[in-house]
Amino acid sequence: MVPHAATATPTGTDDTRVYAALLLVILAVTGCYLLGCWLWPFGACRRCRGTGKRRSPFGRAFRLCHRCDGTGRTLRIGRHILNTLRELHDKGGSK
């Protein structure tokens, strides 16, 4: 009896499949996020939570939020990235 027989199964194929699937999932999530940033460029302001107002330090009066200028909306981070990439593309290679 032979305790161990040689096999022709290549090693590492399961790992590469897992990494390929993980890469596809990451690309899909990133693509969906960038599509969302393209369709809906503004999100709720984090400082005022979308109200456009901030309470004064003593809590009795309201002020306009300085981060969003009282609108309650700010440009999302992904949209900043898309705008930067578009500016780079529009510039091209010219100086």
PDB file of N, CA and C in Angstrom:
ATOM      1  N   MET A   1       0.830  -1.176   0.000  1.00  0.00           N
ATOM      2  CA  MET A   1       0.000   0.000   0.000  1.00  0.00           C
ATOM      3  C   MET A   1       0.880   1.247   0.000  1.00  0.00           C
ATOM      4  N   VAL A   2       0.466   2.179  -0.834  1.00  0.00           N
ATOM      5  CA  VAL A   2       1.175   3.456  -0.912  1.00  0.00           C
ATOM      6  C   VAL A   2       0.417   4.453  -0.046  1.00  0.00           C
ATOM      7  N   PRO A   3       1.098   5.055   0.940  1.00  0.00           N
ATOM      8  CA  PRO A   3       0.377   5.980   1.826  1.00  0.00           C
ATOM      9  C   PRO A   3      -0.025   7.285   1.134  1.00  0.00           C
ATOM     10  N   HIS A   4       0.803   7.789   0.226  1.00  0.00           N
ATOM     11  CA  HIS A   4       0.497   9.053  -0.449  1.00  0.00           C
ATOM     12  C   HIS A   4       0.715   8.886  -1.942  1.00  0.00           C
ATOM     13  N   ALA A   5      -0.288   9.181  -2.701  1.00  0.00           N
ATOM     14  CA  ALA A   5      -0.148   9.086  -4.147  1.00  0.00           C
ATOM     15  C   ALA A   5      -0.024  10.492  -4.720  1.00  0.00           C
ATOM     16  N   ALA A   6       0.738  10.636  -5.771  1.00  0.00           N
ATOM     17  CA  ALA A   6       0.907  11.932  -6.428  1.00  0.00           C
ATOM     18  C   ALA A   6      -0.380  12.296  -7.172  1.00  0.00           C
ATOM     19  N   THR A   7      -0.719  13.568  -7.128  1.00  0.00           N
ATOM     20  CA  THR A   7      -1.913  14.030  -7.838  1.00  0.00           C
ATOM     21  C   THR A   7      -1.513  15.104  -8.836  1.00  0.00           C
ATOM     22  N   ALA A   8      -2.344  15.296  -9.818  1.00  0.00           N
ATOM     23  CA  ALA A   8      -2.068  16.295 -10.850  1.00  0.00           C
ATOM     24  C   ALA A   8      -2.862  17.576 -10.615  1.00  0.00           C
ATOM     25  N   THR A   9      -3.336  17.791  -9.404  1.00  0.00           N
ATOM     26  CA  THR A   9      -4.114  18.976  -9.097  1.00  0.00           C
ATOM     27  C   THR A   9      -3.174  20.163  -8.900  1.00  0.00           C
ATOM     28  N   PRO A  10      -3.363  21.234  -9.669  1.00  0.00           N
ATOM     29  CA  PRO A  10      -2.506  22.405  -9.474  1.00  0.00           C
ATOM     30  C   PRO A  10      -2.823  23.083  -8.144  1.00  0.00           C
ATOM     31  N   THR A  11      -1.811  23.632  -7.536  1.00  0.00           N
ATOM     32  CA  THR A  11      -2.005  24.305  -6.251  1.00  0.00           C
ATOM     33  C   THR A  11      -2.273  25.780  -6.475  1.00  0.00           C
ATOM     34  N   GLY A  12      -3.032  26.383  -5.586  1.00  0.00           N
ATOM     35  CA  GLY A  12      -3.276  27.815  -5.617  1.00  0.00           C
ATOM     36  C   GLY A  12      -4.453  28.249  -6.457  1.00  0.00           C
ATOM     37  N   THR A  13      -5.170  27.364  -7.082  1.00  0.00           N
ATOM     38  CA  THR A  13      -6.287  27.778  -7.925  1.00  0.00           C
ATOM     39  C   THR A  13      -7.441  28.310  -7.086  1.00  0.00           C
ATOM     40  N   ASP A  14      -7.674  27.766  -5.929  1.00  0.00           N
ATOM     41  CA  ASP A  14      -8.761  28.241  -5.077  1.00  0.00           C
ATOM     42  C   ASP A  14      -8.469  29.657  -4.580  1.00  0.00           C
ATOM     43  N   ASP A  15      -7.213  29.923  -4.241  1.00  0.00           N
ATOM     44  CA  ASP A  15      -6.853  31.250  -3.757  1.00  0.00           C
ATOM     45  C   ASP A  15      -7.025  32.302  -4.845  1.00  0.00           C
ATOM     46  N   THR A  16      -6.639  32.002  -6.053  1.00  0.00           N
ATOM     47  CA  THR A  16      -6.750  32.989  -7.121  1.00  0.00           C
ATOM     48  C   THR A  16      -8.216  33.264  -7.450  1.00  0.00           C
ATOM     49  N   ARG A  17      -9.061  32.262  -7.343  1.00  0.00           N
ATOM     50  CA  ARG A  17     -10.486  32.474  -7.579  1.00  0.00           C
ATOM     51  C   ARG A  17     -11.090  33.373  -6.519  1.00  0.00           C
ATOM     52  N   VAL A  18     -10.680  33.160  -5.287  1.00  0.00           N
ATOM     53  CA  VAL A  18     -11.190  33.988  -4.183  1.00  0.00           C
ATOM     54  C   VAL A  18     -10.743  35.430  -4.375  1.00  0.00           C
ATOM     55  N   TYR A  19      -9.476  35.637  -4.716  1.00  0.00           N
ATOM     56  CA  TYR A  19      -8.967  36.995  -4.913  1.00  0.00           C
ATOM     57  C   TYR A  19      -9.614  37.663  -6.118  1.00  0.00           C
ATOM     58  N   ALA A  20      -9.867  36.908  -7.164  1.00  0.00           N
ATOM     59  CA  ALA A  20     -10.532  37.467  -8.346  1.00  0.00           C
ATOM     60  C   ALA A  20     -11.965  37.857  -8.007  1.00  0.00           C
ATOM     61  N   ALA A  21     -12.659  37.029  -7.253  1.00  0.00           N
ATOM     62  CA  ALA A  21     -14.031  37.354  -6.857  1.00  0.00           C
ATOM     63  C   ALA A  21     -14.053  38.571  -5.934  1.00  0.00           C
ATOM     64  N   LEU A  22     -13.102  38.650  -5.023  1.00  0.00           N
ATOM     65  CA  LEU A  22     -13.011  39.801  -4.124  1.00  0.00           C
ATOM     66  C   LEU A  22     -12.730  41.074  -4.906  1.00  0.00           C
ATOM     67  N   LEU A  23     -11.861  40.996  -5.882  1.00  0.00           N
ATOM     68  CA  LEU A  23     -11.550  42.151  -6.716  1.00  0.00           C
ATOM     69  C   LEU A  23     -12.779  42.602  -7.502  1.00  0.00           C
ATOM     70  N   LEU A  24     -13.550  41.664  -8.039  1.00  0.00           N
ATOM     71  CA  LEU A  24     -14.766  42.008  -8.766  1.00  0.00           C
ATOM     72  C   LEU A  24     -15.799  42.670  -7.852  1.00  0.00           C
ATOM     73  N   VAL A  25     -15.916  42.186  -6.630  1.00  0.00           N
ATOM     74  CA  VAL A  25     -16.856  42.779  -5.682  1.00  0.00           C
ATOM     75  C   VAL A  25     -16.428  44.204  -5.346  1.00  0.00           C
ATOM     76  N   ILE A  26     -15.138  44.414  -5.105  1.00  0.00           N
ATOM     77  CA  ILE A  26     -14.635  45.753  -4.784  1.00  0.00           C
ATOM     78  C   ILE A  26     -14.853  46.702  -5.956  1.00  0.00           C
ATOM     79  N   LEU A  27     -14.588  46.245  -7.173  1.00  0.00           N
ATOM     80  CA  LEU A  27     -14.810  47.084  -8.348  1.00  0.00           C
ATOM     81  C   LEU A  27     -16.287  47.409  -8.534  1.00  0.00           C
ATOM     82  N   ALA A  28     -17.170  46.463  -8.271  1.00  0.00           N
ATOM     83  CA  ALA A  28     -18.604  46.697  -8.410  1.00  0.00           C
ATOM     84  C   ALA A  28     -19.102  47.715  -7.383  1.00  0.00           C
ATOM     85  N   VAL A  29     -18.650  47.574  -6.141  1.00  0.00           N
ATOM     86  CA  VAL A  29     -19.064  48.511  -5.090  1.00  0.00           C
ATOM     87  C   VAL A  29     -18.544  49.911  -5.399  1.00  0.00           C
ATOM     88  N   THR A  30     -17.292  50.016  -5.824  1.00  0.00           N
ATOM     89  CA  THR A  30     -16.721  51.313  -6.168  1.00  0.00           C
ATOM     90  C   THR A  30     -17.454  51.936  -7.354  1.00  0.00           C
ATOM     91  N   GLY A  31     -17.763  51.137  -8.347  1.00  0.00           N
ATOM     92  CA  GLY A  31     -18.501  51.636  -9.502  1.00  0.00           C
ATOM     93  C   GLY A  31     -19.890  52.129  -9.129  1.00  0.00           C
ATOM     94  N   CYS A  32     -20.579  51.395  -8.263  1.00  0.00           N
ATOM     95  CA  CYS A  32     -21.909  51.824  -7.822  1.00  0.00           C
ATOM     96  C   CYS A  32     -21.831  53.113  -7.016  1.00  0.00           C
ATOM     97  N   TYR A  33     -20.811  53.249  -6.167  1.00  0.00           N
ATOM     98  CA  TYR A  33     -20.645  54.474  -5.381  1.00  0.00           C
ATOM     99  C   TYR A  33     -20.371  55.665  -6.295  1.00  0.00           C
ATOM    100  N   LEU A  34     -19.491  55.503  -7.277  1.00  0.00           N
ATOM    101  CA  LEU A  34     -19.189  56.603  -8.193  1.00  0.00           C
ATOM    102  C   LEU A  34     -20.401  56.949  -9.054  1.00  0.00           C
ATOM    103  N   LEU A  35     -21.192  55.956  -9.436  1.00  0.00           N
ATOM    104  CA  LEU A  35     -22.422  56.226 -10.170  1.00  0.00           C
ATOM    105  C   LEU A  35     -23.398  57.023  -9.297  1.00  0.00           C
ATOM    106  N   GLY A  36     -23.492  56.657  -8.036  1.00  0.00           N
ATOM    107  CA  GLY A  36     -24.339  57.404  -7.101  1.00  0.00           C
ATOM    108  C   GLY A  36     -23.853  58.828  -6.912  1.00  0.00           C
ATOM    109  N   CYS A  37     -22.541  59.023  -6.874  1.00  0.00           N
ATOM    110  CA  CYS A  37     -21.983  60.367  -6.750  1.00  0.00           C
ATOM    111  C   CYS A  37     -22.243  61.183  -8.002  1.00  0.00           C
ATOM    112  N   TRP A  38     -22.288  60.523  -9.148  1.00  0.00           N
ATOM    113  CA  TRP A  38     -22.558  61.231 -10.394  1.00  0.00           C
ATOM    114  C   TRP A  38     -24.034  61.641 -10.463  1.00  0.00           C
ATOM    115  N   LEU A  39     -24.935  60.745 -10.029  1.00  0.00           N
ATOM    116  CA  LEU A  39     -26.362  61.034 -10.082  1.00  0.00           C
ATOM    117  C   LEU A  39     -26.816  61.975  -8.964  1.00  0.00           C
ATOM    118  N   TRP A  40     -26.304  61.773  -7.766  1.00  0.00           N
ATOM    119  CA  TRP A  40     -26.682  62.584  -6.607  1.00  0.00           C
ATOM    120  C   TRP A  40     -25.415  63.185  -5.995  1.00  0.00           C
ATOM    121  N   PRO A  41     -24.942  64.326  -6.520  1.00  0.00           N
ATOM    122  CA  PRO A  41     -23.651  64.866  -6.084  1.00  0.00           C
ATOM    123  C   PRO A  41     -23.644  65.449  -4.681  1.00  0.00           C
ATOM    124  N   PHE A  42     -24.789  65.812  -4.147  1.00  0.00           N
ATOM    125  CA  PHE A  42     -24.821  66.448  -2.831  1.00  0.00           C
ATOM    126  C   PHE A  42     -25.364  65.503  -1.777  1.00  0.00           C
ATOM    127  N   GLY A  43     -24.777  65.591  -0.593  1.00  0.00           N
ATOM    128  CA  GLY A  43     -25.235  64.811   0.543  1.00  0.00           C
ATOM    129  C   GLY A  43     -25.538  65.747   1.696  1.00  0.00           C
ATOM    130  N   ALA A  44     -26.123  65.232   2.762  1.00  0.00           N
ATOM    131  CA  ALA A  44     -26.438  66.045   3.924  1.00  0.00           C
ATOM    132  C   ALA A  44     -25.145  66.499   4.599  1.00  0.00           C
ATOM    133  N   CYS A  45     -25.146  67.740   5.043  1.00  0.00           N
ATOM    134  CA  CYS A  45     -23.976  68.291   5.738  1.00  0.00           C
ATOM    135  C   CYS A  45     -23.766  67.524   7.039  1.00  0.00           C
ATOM    136  N   ARG A  46     -22.536  67.175   7.318  1.00  0.00           N
ATOM    137  CA  ARG A  46     -22.247  66.403   8.531  1.00  0.00           C
ATOM    138  C   ARG A  46     -22.309  67.261   9.790  1.00  0.00           C
ATOM    139  N   ARG A  47     -21.963  68.515   9.652  1.00  0.00           N
ATOM    140  CA  ARG A  47     -21.921  69.368  10.833  1.00  0.00           C
ATOM    141  C   ARG A  47     -23.325  69.694  11.339  1.00  0.00           C
ATOM    142  N   CYS A  48     -24.229  70.093  10.438  1.00  0.00           N
ATOM    143  CA  CYS A  48     -25.577  70.479  10.865  1.00  0.00           C
ATOM    144  C   CYS A  48     -26.596  69.364  10.636  1.00  0.00           C
ATOM    145  N   ARG A  49     -26.159  68.232  10.121  1.00  0.00           N
ATOM    146  CA  ARG A  49     -27.006  67.063   9.834  1.00  0.00           C
ATOM    147  C   ARG A  49     -28.123  67.385   8.846  1.00  0.00           C
ATOM    148  N   GLY A  50     -27.834  68.294   7.900  1.00  0.00           N
ATOM    149  CA  GLY A  50     -28.775  68.597   6.832  1.00  0.00           C
ATOM    150  C   GLY A  50     -29.806  69.651   7.157  1.00  0.00           C
ATOM    151  N   THR A  51     -29.749  70.264   8.332  1.00  0.00           N
ATOM    152  CA  THR A  51     -30.746  71.275   8.683  1.00  0.00           C
ATOM    153  C   THR A  51     -30.343  72.664   8.192  1.00  0.00           C
ATOM    154  N   GLY A  52     -29.059  72.929   8.047  1.00  0.00           N
ATOM    155  CA  GLY A  52     -28.587  74.246   7.643  1.00  0.00           C
ATOM    156  C   GLY A  52     -28.410  75.200   8.798  1.00  0.00           C
ATOM    157  N   LYS A  53     -28.753  74.733  10.005  1.00  0.00           N
ATOM    158  CA  LYS A  53     -28.652  75.598  11.189  1.00  0.00           C
ATOM    159  C   LYS A  53     -27.767  74.943  12.235  1.00  0.00           C
ATOM    160  N   ARG A  54     -27.106  75.774  12.990  1.00  0.00           N
ATOM    161  CA  ARG A  54     -26.316  75.321  14.136  1.00  0.00           C
ATOM    162  C   ARG A  54     -26.775  76.085  15.366  1.00  0.00           C
ATOM    163  N   ARG A  55     -26.789  75.415  16.473  1.00  0.00           N
ATOM    164  CA  ARG A  55     -27.155  76.100  17.717  1.00  0.00           C
ATOM    165  C   ARG A  55     -25.985  76.930  18.206  1.00  0.00           C
ATOM    166  N   SER A  56     -26.305  77.990  18.876  1.00  0.00           N
ATOM    167  CA  SER A  56     -25.262  78.813  19.473  1.00  0.00           C
ATOM    168  C   SER A  56     -24.638  78.040  20.636  1.00  0.00           C
ATOM    169  N   PRO A  57     -23.501  78.503  21.141  1.00  0.00           N
ATOM    170  CA  PRO A  57     -22.849  77.756  22.225  1.00  0.00           C
ATOM    171  C   PRO A  57     -23.727  77.568  23.462  1.00  0.00           C
ATOM    172  N   PHE A  58     -24.652  78.490  23.717  1.00  0.00           N
ATOM    173  CA  PHE A  58     -25.502  78.359  24.896  1.00  0.00           C
ATOM    174  C   PHE A  58     -26.840  77.694  24.594  1.00  0.00           C
ATOM    175  N   GLY A  59     -27.098  77.391  23.312  1.00  0.00           N
ATOM    176  CA  GLY A  59     -28.253  76.599  22.941  1.00  0.00           C
ATOM    177  C   GLY A  59     -29.556  77.337  22.792  1.00  0.00           C
ATOM    178  N   ARG A  60     -29.566  78.649  22.850  1.00  0.00           N
ATOM    179  CA  ARG A  60     -30.826  79.382  22.761  1.00  0.00           C
ATOM    180  C   ARG A  60     -31.102  79.928  21.360  1.00  0.00           C
ATOM    181  N   ALA A  61     -30.075  80.236  20.607  1.00  0.00           N
ATOM    182  CA  ALA A  61     -30.265  80.832  19.284  1.00  0.00           C
ATOM    183  C   ALA A  61     -29.672  79.914  18.209  1.00  0.00           C
ATOM    184  N   PHE A  62     -30.093  80.154  16.963  1.00  0.00           N
ATOM    185  CA  PHE A  62     -29.577  79.403  15.836  1.00  0.00           C
ATOM    186  C   PHE A  62     -28.715  80.307  14.974  1.00  0.00           C
ATOM    187  N   ARG A  63     -27.758  79.698  14.317  1.00  0.00           N
ATOM    188  CA  ARG A  63     -26.940  80.376  13.320  1.00  0.00           C
ATOM    189  C   ARG A  63     -26.942  79.517  12.070  1.00  0.00           C
ATOM    190  N   LEU A  64     -26.583  80.132  10.941  1.00  0.00           N
ATOM    191  CA  LEU A  64     -26.416  79.346   9.724  1.00  0.00           C
ATOM    192  C   LEU A  64     -25.127  78.540   9.829  1.00  0.00           C
ATOM    193  N   CYS A  65     -25.177  77.348   9.306  1.00  0.00           N
ATOM    194  CA  CYS A  65     -23.994  76.486   9.304  1.00  0.00           C
ATOM    195  C   CYS A  65     -22.965  77.073   8.337  1.00  0.00           C
ATOM    196  N   HIS A  66     -21.733  77.189   8.781  1.00  0.00           N
ATOM    197  CA  HIS A  66     -20.687  77.771   7.941  1.00  0.00           C
ATOM    198  C   HIS A  66     -20.159  76.778   6.919  1.00  0.00           C
ATOM    199  N   ARG A  67     -20.252  75.503   7.197  1.00  0.00           N
ATOM    200  CA  ARG A  67     -19.731  74.508   6.257  1.00  0.00           C
ATOM    201  C   ARG A  67     -20.592  74.420   4.996  1.00  0.00           C
ATOM    202  N   CYS A  68     -21.906  74.484   5.141  1.00  0.00           N
ATOM    203  CA  CYS A  68     -22.798  74.361   3.979  1.00  0.00           C
ATOM    204  C   CYS A  68     -23.467  75.685   3.613  1.00  0.00           C
ATOM    205  N   ASP A  69     -23.142  76.757   4.291  1.00  0.00           N
ATOM    206  CA  ASP A  69     -23.732  78.082   4.071  1.00  0.00           C
ATOM    207  C   ASP A  69     -25.247  78.076   4.246  1.00  0.00           C
ATOM    208  N   GLY A  70     -25.738  77.249   5.132  1.00  0.00           N
ATOM    209  CA  GLY A  70     -27.154  77.229   5.460  1.00  0.00           C
ATOM    210  C   GLY A  70     -28.016  76.412   4.519  1.00  0.00           C
ATOM    211  N   THR A  71     -27.432  75.746   3.544  1.00  0.00           N
ATOM    212  CA  THR A  71     -28.234  74.945   2.617  1.00  0.00           C
ATOM    213  C   THR A  71     -28.535  73.556   3.164  1.00  0.00           C
ATOM    214  N   GLY A  72     -27.684  73.037   4.013  1.00  0.00           N
ATOM    215  CA  GLY A  72     -27.849  71.685   4.548  1.00  0.00           C
ATOM    216  C   GLY A  72     -27.260  70.617   3.646  1.00  0.00           C
ATOM    217  N   ARG A  73     -26.661  71.007   2.530  1.00  0.00           N
ATOM    218  CA  ARG A  73     -26.106  70.052   1.565  1.00  0.00           C
ATOM    219  C   ARG A  73     -24.639  70.387   1.297  1.00  0.00           C
ATOM    220  N   THR A  74     -23.813  69.363   1.148  1.00  0.00           N
ATOM    221  CA  THR A  74     -22.409  69.535   0.777  1.00  0.00           C
ATOM    222  C   THR A  74     -22.067  68.546  -0.334  1.00  0.00           C
ATOM    223  N   LEU A  75     -21.017  68.875  -1.071  1.00  0.00           N
ATOM    224  CA  LEU A  75     -20.570  68.013  -2.160  1.00  0.00           C
ATOM    225  C   LEU A  75     -19.936  66.753  -1.576  1.00  0.00           C
ATOM    226  N   ARG A  76     -20.332  65.602  -2.076  1.00  0.00           N
ATOM    227  CA  ARG A  76     -19.823  64.332  -1.560  1.00  0.00           C
ATOM    228  C   ARG A  76     -18.365  64.134  -1.953  1.00  0.00           C
ATOM    229  N   ILE A  77     -17.652  63.321  -1.208  1.00  0.00           N
ATOM    230  CA  ILE A  77     -16.230  63.084  -1.447  1.00  0.00           C
ATOM    231  C   ILE A  77     -16.016  62.447  -2.815  1.00  0.00           C
ATOM    232  N   GLY A  78     -16.856  61.496  -3.171  1.00  0.00           N
ATOM    233  CA  GLY A  78     -16.730  60.851  -4.471  1.00  0.00           C
ATOM    234  C   GLY A  78     -16.930  61.831  -5.617  1.00  0.00           C
ATOM    235  N   ARG A  79     -17.802  62.823  -5.425  1.00  0.00           N
ATOM    236  CA  ARG A  79     -18.015  63.818  -6.471  1.00  0.00           C
ATOM    237  C   ARG A  79     -16.799  64.736  -6.599  1.00  0.00           C
ATOM    238  N   HIS A  80     -16.132  65.026  -5.462  1.00  0.00           N
ATOM    239  CA  HIS A  80     -14.875  65.779  -5.528  1.00  0.00           C
ATOM    240  C   HIS A  80     -13.861  65.030  -6.392  1.00  0.00           C
ATOM    241  N   ILE A  81     -13.793  63.718  -6.206  1.00  0.00           N
ATOM    242  CA  ILE A  81     -12.852  62.900  -6.983  1.00  0.00           C
ATOM    243  C   ILE A  81     -13.223  62.920  -8.460  1.00  0.00           C
ATOM    244  N   LEU A  82     -14.522  62.770  -8.767  1.00  0.00           N
ATOM    245  CA  LEU A  82     -14.957  62.810 -10.160  1.00  0.00           C
ATOM    246  C   LEU A  82     -14.663  64.161 -10.808  1.00  0.00           C
ATOM    247  N   ASN A  83     -14.883  65.246 -10.066  1.00  0.00           N
ATOM    248  CA  ASN A  83     -14.592  66.579 -10.598  1.00  0.00           C
ATOM    249  C   ASN A  83     -13.104  66.748 -10.877  1.00  0.00           C
ATOM    250  N   THR A  84     -12.265  66.252  -9.980  1.00  0.00           N
ATOM    251  CA  THR A  84     -10.819  66.353 -10.175  1.00  0.00           C
ATOM    252  C   THR A  84     -10.382  65.549 -11.397  1.00  0.00           C
ATOM    253  N   LEU A  85     -10.909  64.343 -11.552  1.00  0.00           N
ATOM    254  CA  LEU A  85     -10.561  63.530 -12.715  1.00  0.00           C
ATOM    255  C   LEU A  85     -11.030  64.182 -14.013  1.00  0.00           C
ATOM    256  N   ARG A  86     -12.208  64.810 -13.979  1.00  0.00           N
ATOM    257  CA  ARG A  86     -12.706  65.487 -15.169  1.00  0.00           C
ATOM    258  C   ARG A  86     -11.828  66.696 -15.521  1.00  0.00           C
ATOM    259  N   GLU A  87     -11.389  67.445 -14.504  1.00  0.00           N
ATOM    260  CA  GLU A  87     -10.502  68.584 -14.754  1.00  0.00           C
ATOM    261  C   GLU A  87      -9.175  68.125 -15.345  1.00  0.00           C
ATOM    262  N   LEU A  88      -8.643  67.013 -14.839  1.00  0.00           N
ATOM    263  CA  LEU A  88      -7.404  66.478 -15.386  1.00  0.00           C
ATOM    264  C   LEU A  88      -7.595  66.044 -16.840  1.00  0.00           C
ATOM    265  N   HIS A  89      -8.733  65.448 -17.133  1.00  0.00           N
ATOM    266  CA  HIS A  89      -9.003  65.006 -18.506  1.00  0.00           C
ATOM    267  C   HIS A  89      -9.168  66.212 -19.437  1.00  0.00           C
ATOM    268  N   ASP A  90      -9.870  67.235 -18.977  1.00  0.00           N
ATOM    269  CA  ASP A  90     -10.088  68.421 -19.800  1.00  0.00           C
ATOM    270  C   ASP A  90      -8.800  69.159 -20.081  1.00  0.00           C
ATOM    271  N   LYS A  91      -7.909  69.182 -19.083  1.00  0.00           N
ATOM    272  CA  LYS A  91      -6.611  69.819 -19.264  1.00  0.00           C
ATOM    273  C   LYS A  91      -5.791  69.066 -20.298  1.00  0.00           C
ATOM    274  N   GLY A  92      -5.901  67.771 -20.254  1.00  0.00           N
ATOM    275  CA  GLY A  92      -5.098  66.928 -21.153  1.00  0.00           C
ATOM    276  C   GLY A  92      -3.637  67.016 -20.798  1.00  0.00           C
ATOM    277  N   GLY A  93      -2.783  67.046 -21.801  1.00  0.00           N
ATOM    278  CA  GLY A  93      -1.358  67.135 -21.557  1.00  0.00           C
ATOM    279  C   GLY A  93      -0.830  68.548 -21.695  1.00  0.00           C
ATOM    280  N   SER A  94      -1.722  69.533 -21.950  1.00  0.00           N
ATOM    281  CA  SER A  94      -1.260  70.909 -22.139  1.00  0.00           C
ATOM    282  C   SER A  94      -0.890  71.543 -20.808  1.00  0.00           C
ATOM    283  N   LYS A  95       0.043  72.471 -20.889  1.00  0.00           N
ATOM    284  CA  LYS A  95       0.509  73.136 -19.665  1.00  0.00           C
ATOM    285  C   LYS A  95       0.094  74.574 -19.649  1.00  0.00           C
TER     286      LYS A  95
END
